[in-house]
């Protein structure tokens, strides 16, 4: 297996979530490559797999929640930045308006001073005339008085609006500083959670390798009390009846596709690879019965599910099986957790659709699922 810098452009049409590096499966046609021993400290007490699996789920949830909060902070920061820019433009425009109003008020006052309190003309700045009729003088003065009063009211209102906008700008600036601090704290929380999650996934992979080396790949019961309430609830939800067919994983990047040729495969790639982090729940694509389980060889820890109509699905390179032969499963039900056991150099799910339970009868799983309404 060799890492691929990006998913195949033709088959990687659907990208859901971020999964890290994209990997390719290196299944050989017949023989398994020797398995490397697990790292020091890989052996754990009997409850180790349950504990580590629960820790992977808990930390993945914690990191996901931190990322969601961080995205909310970023959206809020973008909104406040846009509002701050809008406020800046508004304050500049209103500054021009206030300046013009002050000029008008000053001009009216100067005109009133020059005419001794009577401004001749409707605009208050007309030529002076000698009028003997006092009634006529008052009639001509009324429009100018009203204009000055209106200008004064407008200037007062503009000053009030300007003070409100300036106060909002100050509040917004303080809020933006707070959001910046929150964003920095959340970035640190994400880094911490993801580092701990990487350690937990590494521990899960190490225990999976130990199980393969010992030949004891017993299924794990995530519905037990020791799995933790969040994991238990999620496993129970996955076991509820679903209609039709589903994807084998929810969030993924497509990597090596069916029929790929090269040094990695003796006779072409026999399935579709889904690049996912270790510990990702793997789902049965449809109702059926688990008919085979592997614990070593090129596929590592693997399961085969028989479906109606003579079709079989295979799930390989698992870290933990969650079902055993004879178990009835429903579409969408968790049957394992992804890993990197067998001939694999990175965490991913190798998924096959077969005409028989055995290797060598595979068909293109992307086309097969597409014919059943599942788009990848």
Protein backbone atom coordinates (compact mmCIF):
# COMPACT_ATOMS: atom_id res chain seq x y z
CA UNK A 1 0.00 0.00 0.00
CA UNK A 2 1.21 3.49 -0.76
CA UNK A 3 -0.31 6.76 0.37
CA UNK A 4 -2.20 8.84 -2.16
CA UNK A 5 -2.00 12.66 -1.92
CA UNK A 6 -5.66 13.14 -2.83
CA UNK A 7 -8.75 11.03 -3.57
CA UNK A 8 -9.33 9.82 -7.10
CA UNK A 9 -10.97 12.67 -9.02
CA UNK A 10 -13.25 10.34 -10.96
CA UNK A 11 -14.54 8.28 -8.06
CA UNK A 12 -14.07 10.72 -5.18
CA UNK A 13 -17.14 12.71 -6.10
CA UNK A 14 -18.54 12.87 -2.60
CA UNK A 15 -16.53 14.31 0.28
CA UNK A 16 -18.12 14.41 3.70
CA UNK A 17 -15.98 15.71 6.53
CA UNK A 18 -12.24 15.78 6.94
CA UNK A 19 -10.45 12.47 7.31
CA UNK A 20 -6.73 13.19 7.16
CA UNK A 21 -4.45 11.43 4.65
CA UNK A 22 -5.98 9.36 1.88
CA UNK A 23 -4.74 5.77 1.69
CA UNK A 24 -4.89 2.94 -0.79
CA UNK A 25 -5.57 -0.69 -0.01
CA UNK A 26 -2.84 -3.23 -0.78
CA UNK A 27 -4.79 -6.45 -0.80
CA UNK A 28 -2.92 -9.27 -2.40
CA UNK A 29 -4.83 -11.90 -4.34
CA UNK A 30 -3.84 -14.86 -2.21
CA UNK A 31 -1.23 -14.59 0.53
CA UNK A 32 -1.03 -12.18 3.45
CA UNK A 33 2.08 -10.19 4.15
CA UNK A 34 3.75 -10.80 7.53
CA UNK A 35 2.18 -8.76 10.28
CA UNK A 36 4.43 -6.51 12.33
CA UNK A 37 4.24 -6.91 16.10
CA UNK A 38 2.33 -4.25 17.99
CA UNK A 39 4.20 -1.45 19.72
CA UNK A 40 5.30 -1.79 23.32
CA UNK A 41 2.43 -1.59 25.76
CA UNK A 42 -0.14 -2.75 23.20
CA UNK A 43 -1.45 -5.51 25.48
CA UNK A 44 -4.32 -4.36 27.70
CA UNK A 45 -6.60 -5.82 30.35
CA UNK A 46 -9.76 -7.60 29.16
CA UNK A 47 -11.77 -4.38 29.29
CA UNK A 48 -9.12 -2.49 27.30
CA UNK A 49 -10.88 -2.56 23.91
CA UNK A 50 -14.12 -1.28 25.43
CA UNK A 51 -12.31 1.44 27.34
CA UNK A 52 -10.21 2.58 24.39
CA UNK A 53 -13.14 2.41 21.96
CA UNK A 54 -15.22 4.53 24.31
CA UNK A 55 -12.32 6.97 24.64
CA UNK A 56 -12.03 7.26 20.84
CA UNK A 57 -15.75 8.02 20.59
CA UNK A 58 -15.66 10.47 23.48
CA UNK A 59 -12.65 12.37 22.17
CA UNK A 60 -14.00 12.40 18.61
CA UNK A 61 -17.23 13.87 19.95
CA UNK A 62 -15.31 16.40 22.05
CA UNK A 63 -13.16 17.47 19.08
CA UNK A 64 -16.24 17.67 16.87
CA UNK A 65 -18.10 19.84 19.35
CA UNK A 66 -15.06 22.13 19.70
CA UNK A 67 -14.88 22.45 15.91
CA UNK A 68 -18.60 23.28 15.76
CA UNK A 69 -18.21 25.96 18.44
CA UNK A 70 -15.18 27.32 16.62
CA UNK A 71 -17.15 27.53 13.37
CA UNK A 72 -19.95 29.37 15.17
CA UNK A 73 -17.40 31.84 16.55
CA UNK A 74 -15.92 32.31 13.08
CA UNK A 75 -19.36 32.94 11.58
CA UNK A 76 -20.15 35.42 14.35
CA UNK A 77 -16.79 37.14 13.80
CA UNK A 78 -17.45 37.42 10.06
CA UNK A 79 -20.89 38.90 10.76
CA UNK A 80 -19.49 41.41 13.23
CA UNK A 81 -16.67 42.37 10.88
CA UNK A 82 -19.25 43.06 8.16
CA UNK A 83 -21.33 45.09 10.63
CA UNK A 84 -18.26 47.06 11.71
CA UNK A 85 -17.47 47.90 8.09
CA UNK A 86 -21.08 48.95 7.55
CA UNK A 87 -20.98 51.14 10.65
CA UNK A 88 -17.77 52.76 9.45
CA UNK A 89 -19.35 53.64 6.11
CA UNK A 90 -22.50 54.95 7.80
CA UNK A 91 -20.54 57.11 10.22
CA UNK A 92 -18.52 58.62 7.37
CA UNK A 93 -21.68 59.45 5.39
CA UNK A 94 -23.43 60.90 8.43
CA UNK A 95 -20.35 62.96 9.16
CA UNK A 96 -20.71 64.59 5.76
CA UNK A 97 -24.44 65.17 6.40
CA UNK A 98 -23.79 66.76 9.80
CA UNK A 99 -21.14 69.02 8.31
CA UNK A 100 -23.57 70.18 5.62
CA UNK A 101 -26.30 70.78 8.21
CA UNK A 102 -23.95 72.84 10.35
CA UNK A 103 -23.05 74.91 7.31
CA UNK A 104 -26.74 75.49 6.53
CA UNK A 105 -27.57 76.40 10.12
CA UNK A 106 -24.60 78.80 10.20
CA UNK A 107 -25.60 80.40 6.90
CA UNK A 108 -29.16 80.90 8.14
CA UNK A 109 -27.90 82.43 11.36
CA UNK A 110 -25.54 84.78 9.50
CA UNK A 111 -28.33 85.86 7.16
CA UNK A 112 -30.60 86.56 10.12
CA UNK A 113 -27.86 88.64 11.72
CA UNK A 114 -27.33 90.69 8.57
CA UNK A 115 -31.05 91.46 8.18
CA UNK A 116 -31.56 92.25 11.79
CA UNK A 117 -33.86 89.32 12.38
CA UNK A 118 -35.79 89.48 9.10
CA UNK A 119 -34.62 87.44 6.14
CA UNK A 120 -36.19 88.44 2.88
CA UNK A 121 -36.93 85.71 0.38
CA UNK A 122 -38.14 82.13 0.75
CA UNK A 123 -34.61 80.73 1.15
CA UNK A 124 -33.62 83.23 3.80
CA UNK A 125 -30.75 84.57 1.68
CA UNK A 126 -32.52 86.76 -0.87
CA UNK A 127 -31.84 90.39 -1.54
CA UNK A 128 -33.04 92.85 1.03
CA UNK A 129 -36.01 95.01 0.14
CA UNK A 130 -37.50 98.03 1.79
CA UNK A 131 -41.06 97.13 2.71
CA UNK A 132 -43.35 99.49 4.55
CA UNK A 133 -46.01 96.85 5.35
CA UNK A 134 -45.10 94.97 8.56
CA UNK A 135 -47.57 92.19 7.71
CA UNK A 136 -45.69 91.54 4.49
CA UNK A 137 -42.40 91.38 6.37
CA UNK A 138 -43.80 88.76 8.79
CA UNK A 139 -45.24 86.70 5.92
CA UNK A 140 -41.88 86.61 4.21
CA UNK A 141 -40.06 85.75 7.44
CA UNK A 142 -42.17 82.67 8.28
CA UNK A 143 -40.59 80.27 5.69
CA UNK A 144 -37.08 81.21 6.80
CA UNK A 145 -37.91 80.65 10.47
CA UNK A 146 -39.40 77.27 9.70
CA UNK A 147 -36.37 76.33 7.64
CA UNK A 148 -33.98 77.26 10.44
CA UNK A 149 -36.06 75.31 12.95
CA UNK A 150 -36.14 72.26 10.67
CA UNK A 151 -32.39 72.44 10.12
CA UNK A 152 -31.85 72.67 13.88
CA UNK A 153 -34.01 69.62 14.55
CA UNK A 154 -32.26 67.64 11.83
CA UNK A 155 -28.85 68.52 13.22
CA UNK A 156 -29.87 67.49 16.75
CA UNK A 157 -31.25 64.17 15.46
CA UNK A 158 -28.10 63.54 13.46
CA UNK A 159 -25.98 64.16 16.52
CA UNK A 160 -28.09 61.69 18.53
CA UNK A 161 -27.91 59.05 15.77
CA UNK A 162 -24.17 59.55 15.53
CA UNK A 163 -23.74 58.99 19.27
CA UNK A 164 -25.81 55.79 19.06
CA UNK A 165 -23.75 54.50 16.15
CA UNK A 166 -20.48 55.35 17.88
CA UNK A 167 -21.65 53.53 21.02
CA UNK A 168 -22.57 50.49 18.90
CA UNK A 169 -19.17 50.63 17.22
CA UNK A 170 -17.43 50.61 20.62
CA UNK A 171 -19.58 47.69 21.83
CA UNK A 172 -18.92 45.83 18.60
CA UNK A 173 -15.17 46.35 18.90
CA UNK A 174 -15.22 44.90 22.42
CA UNK A 175 -17.31 41.94 21.24
CA UNK A 176 -14.90 41.30 18.39
CA UNK A 177 -11.99 41.22 20.80
CA UNK A 178 -13.93 38.72 22.92
CA UNK A 179 -14.63 36.56 19.88
CA UNK A 180 -10.96 36.64 18.96
CA UNK A 181 -10.07 35.39 22.44
CA UNK A 182 -12.77 32.69 22.25
CA UNK A 183 -11.48 31.61 18.83
CA UNK A 184 -7.93 31.31 20.13
CA UNK A 185 -9.09 29.23 23.12
CA UNK A 186 -11.16 26.96 20.88
CA UNK A 187 -8.26 26.49 18.48
CA UNK A 188 -6.14 25.34 21.40
CA UNK A 189 -8.95 23.06 22.62
CA UNK A 190 -9.24 21.52 19.14
CA UNK A 191 -5.48 20.92 18.96
CA UNK A 192 -5.50 19.30 22.40
CA UNK A 193 -8.54 17.12 21.69
CA UNK A 194 -7.19 16.02 18.31
CA UNK A 195 -3.79 15.15 19.81
CA UNK A 196 -5.47 13.04 22.49
CA UNK A 197 -7.75 11.52 19.86
CA UNK A 198 -4.75 10.58 17.73
CA UNK A 199 -3.20 8.85 20.76
CA UNK A 200 -6.44 6.96 21.46
CA UNK A 201 -6.71 5.88 17.83
CA UNK A 202 -3.11 4.73 17.93
CA UNK A 203 -3.90 2.68 21.04
CA UNK A 204 -6.95 1.20 19.32
CA UNK A 205 -4.86 0.21 16.30
CA UNK A 206 -2.22 -1.31 18.57
CA UNK A 207 -4.82 -3.44 20.36
CA UNK A 208 -6.29 -4.49 17.02
CA UNK A 209 -2.84 -5.63 15.89
CA UNK A 210 -2.39 -7.53 19.16
CA UNK A 211 -5.74 -9.27 18.58
CA UNK A 212 -4.68 -10.25 15.05
CA UNK A 213 -1.30 -11.49 16.25
CA UNK A 214 -2.97 -13.64 18.90
CA UNK A 215 -5.68 -14.85 16.52
CA UNK A 216 -8.41 -13.72 18.94
CA UNK A 217 -10.57 -11.05 17.29
CA UNK A 218 -13.63 -11.30 19.51
CA UNK A 219 -16.52 -8.93 18.75
CA UNK A 220 -17.04 -6.02 21.11
CA UNK A 221 -20.45 -5.27 22.59
CA UNK A 222 -20.89 -1.50 22.53
CA UNK A 223 -24.34 -1.84 24.07
CA UNK A 224 -22.81 -2.98 27.36
CA UNK A 225 -22.64 -0.80 30.44
CA UNK A 226 -18.89 -0.30 30.13
CA UNK A 227 -19.12 1.29 26.68
CA UNK A 228 -20.40 4.57 28.05
CA UNK A 229 -23.84 6.13 27.61
CA UNK A 230 -23.07 8.17 24.46
CA UNK A 231 -21.55 5.19 22.64
CA UNK A 232 -24.36 2.94 23.81
CA UNK A 233 -27.04 5.36 22.59
CA UNK A 234 -25.33 5.79 19.22
CA UNK A 235 -24.98 2.01 18.77
CA UNK A 236 -28.62 1.51 19.67
CA UNK A 237 -29.72 4.17 17.17
CA UNK A 238 -27.74 2.47 14.42
CA UNK A 239 -29.58 -0.80 15.12
CA UNK A 240 -33.00 0.72 14.46
CA UNK A 241 -34.69 -0.45 11.26
CA UNK A 242 -33.65 1.44 8.14
CA UNK A 243 -35.22 1.23 4.72
CA UNK A 244 -33.30 0.25 1.63
CA UNK A 245 -29.53 0.51 1.32
CA UNK A 246 -26.98 2.86 2.90
CA UNK A 247 -23.32 3.82 2.61
CA UNK A 248 -20.91 1.72 4.67
CA UNK A 249 -19.57 4.86 6.39
CA UNK A 250 -21.10 8.29 6.85
CA UNK A 251 -18.11 10.67 6.53
CA UNK A 252 -15.32 9.68 4.17
CA UNK A 253 -13.12 10.36 1.18
CA UNK A 254 -13.07 7.87 -1.65
CA UNK A 255 -9.59 6.61 -2.42
CA UNK A 256 -8.70 3.46 -4.42
CA UNK A 257 -11.54 2.37 -6.66
CA UNK A 258 -12.62 -0.96 -8.08
CA UNK A 259 -10.38 -2.43 -10.78
CA UNK A 260 -7.29 -0.38 -9.97
CA UNK A 261 -4.10 -1.84 -11.37
CA UNK A 262 -0.53 -1.61 -10.19
CA UNK A 263 2.00 -3.14 -7.84
CA UNK A 264 -0.44 -2.98 -4.95
CA UNK A 265 -2.81 -5.59 -6.38
CA UNK A 266 -2.00 -8.91 -8.01
CA UNK A 267 -5.07 -8.92 -10.26
CA UNK A 268 -6.69 -5.50 -9.86
CA UNK A 269 -8.30 -3.84 -6.86
CA UNK A 270 -11.38 -5.80 -5.82
CA UNK A 271 -13.31 -3.18 -3.87
CA UNK A 272 -13.77 0.49 -3.05
CA UNK A 273 -11.65 2.10 -0.35
CA UNK A 274 -13.08 4.71 2.01
CA UNK A 275 -10.43 6.80 3.75
CA UNK A 276 -11.64 7.28 7.33
CA UNK A 277 -9.92 7.65 10.71
CA UNK A 278 -9.46 4.59 12.89
CA UNK A 279 -12.48 3.96 15.08
CA UNK A 280 -15.04 5.21 12.53
CA UNK A 281 -18.28 3.19 12.76
CA UNK A 282 -18.72 0.84 9.80
CA UNK A 283 -22.32 0.09 8.85
CA UNK A 284 -24.02 -2.84 7.15
CA UNK A 285 -25.13 -1.53 3.77
CA UNK A 286 -28.33 -3.55 3.93
CA UNK A 287 -30.28 -6.11 5.95
CA UNK A 288 -28.60 -9.48 6.16
CA UNK A 289 -26.70 -12.04 8.22
CA UNK A 290 -23.02 -12.09 9.12
CA UNK A 291 -21.69 -15.29 7.56
CA UNK A 292 -17.91 -14.94 7.93
CA UNK A 293 -15.34 -13.17 10.08
CA UNK A 294 -11.63 -12.83 9.45
CA UNK A 295 -8.82 -12.29 11.94
CA UNK A 296 -5.68 -11.90 9.86
CA UNK A 297 -4.47 -12.31 6.32
CA UNK A 298 -4.51 -9.54 3.74
CA UNK A 299 -7.91 -8.30 4.89
CA UNK A 300 -7.00 -8.18 8.59
CA UNK A 301 -10.08 -8.11 10.79
CA UNK A 302 -13.02 -8.43 8.40
CA UNK A 303 -16.69 -9.38 8.15
CA UNK A 304 -18.86 -10.73 5.34
CA UNK A 305 -22.63 -10.13 5.35
CA UNK A 306 -25.07 -12.12 3.22
CA UNK A 307 -27.94 -10.14 1.70
CA UNK A 308 -31.00 -11.23 -0.19
CA UNK A 309 -30.75 -12.13 -3.86
CA UNK A 310 -27.43 -13.93 -3.52
CA UNK A 311 -25.30 -10.87 -2.80
CA UNK A 312 -22.60 -10.48 -0.15
CA UNK A 313 -20.79 -7.44 1.25
CA UNK A 314 -17.34 -7.49 2.81
CA UNK A 315 -15.80 -4.99 5.27
CA UNK A 316 -12.03 -5.28 5.75
CA UNK A 317 -9.11 -3.77 7.72
CA UNK A 318 -11.30 -3.26 10.78
CA UNK A 319 -9.91 -2.39 14.20
CA UNK A 320 -12.82 -3.94 16.10
CA UNK A 321 -15.63 -6.27 14.96
CA UNK A 322 -19.05 -5.58 16.49
CA UNK A 323 -20.79 -8.68 15.16
CA UNK A 324 -20.05 -12.36 14.67
CA UNK A 325 -21.19 -15.07 12.24
CA UNK A 326 -24.86 -15.87 12.64
CA UNK A 327 -25.79 -12.37 13.74
CA UNK A 328 -28.71 -10.71 11.93
CA UNK A 329 -27.99 -7.08 11.07
CA UNK A 330 -30.03 -4.24 9.65
CA UNK A 331 -29.16 -1.60 7.09
CA UNK A 332 -27.17 1.14 8.82
CA UNK A 333 -26.36 -0.95 11.90
CA UNK A 334 -22.80 -0.71 13.18
CA UNK A 335 -20.95 -3.96 12.55
CA UNK A 336 -17.38 -2.80 13.14
CA UNK A 337 -14.95 0.05 13.64
CA UNK A 338 -12.48 0.99 10.93
CA UNK A 339 -8.79 0.40 11.39
CA UNK A 340 -5.66 -0.56 9.48
CA UNK A 341 -5.23 -4.31 10.10
CA UNK A 342 -3.94 -6.63 7.39
CA UNK A 343 -2.11 -5.35 4.33
CA UNK A 344 -2.76 -1.67 4.91
CA UNK A 345 -0.52 1.30 5.63
CA UNK A 346 -3.21 3.67 6.86
CA UNK A 347 -6.69 3.63 8.37
CA UNK A 348 -9.46 3.01 5.86
CA UNK A 349 -12.32 0.67 5.03
CA UNK A 350 -11.97 -1.76 2.15
CA UNK A 351 -15.50 -2.52 0.96
CA UNK A 352 -16.52 -5.22 -1.50
CA UNK A 353 -19.70 -6.53 -3.07
CA UNK A 354 -19.46 -10.19 -4.01
CA UNK A 355 -21.51 -12.89 -5.69
CA UNK A 356 -20.25 -15.44 -3.16
CA UNK A 357 -18.80 -15.16 0.36
CA UNK A 358 -15.32 -15.92 -0.98
CA UNK A 359 -12.66 -13.71 -2.48
CA UNK A 360 -12.64 -13.58 -6.29
CA UNK A 361 -16.32 -12.91 -7.00
CA UNK A 362 -16.37 -9.14 -6.51
CA UNK A 363 -18.24 -6.62 -8.67
CA UNK A 364 -17.91 -2.83 -8.75
CA UNK A 365 -19.45 -1.74 -5.41
CA UNK A 366 -19.97 1.87 -6.50
CA UNK A 367 -22.11 0.81 -9.45
CA UNK A 368 -23.88 -1.83 -7.35
CA UNK A 369 -24.85 0.68 -4.67
CA UNK A 370 -25.76 3.27 -7.30
CA UNK A 371 -28.24 0.84 -8.85
CA UNK A 372 -29.89 0.67 -5.42
CA UNK A 373 -30.12 4.43 -4.99
CA UNK A 374 -26.94 5.01 -2.94
CA UNK A 375 -24.61 7.64 -4.41
CA UNK A 376 -21.02 7.88 -3.22
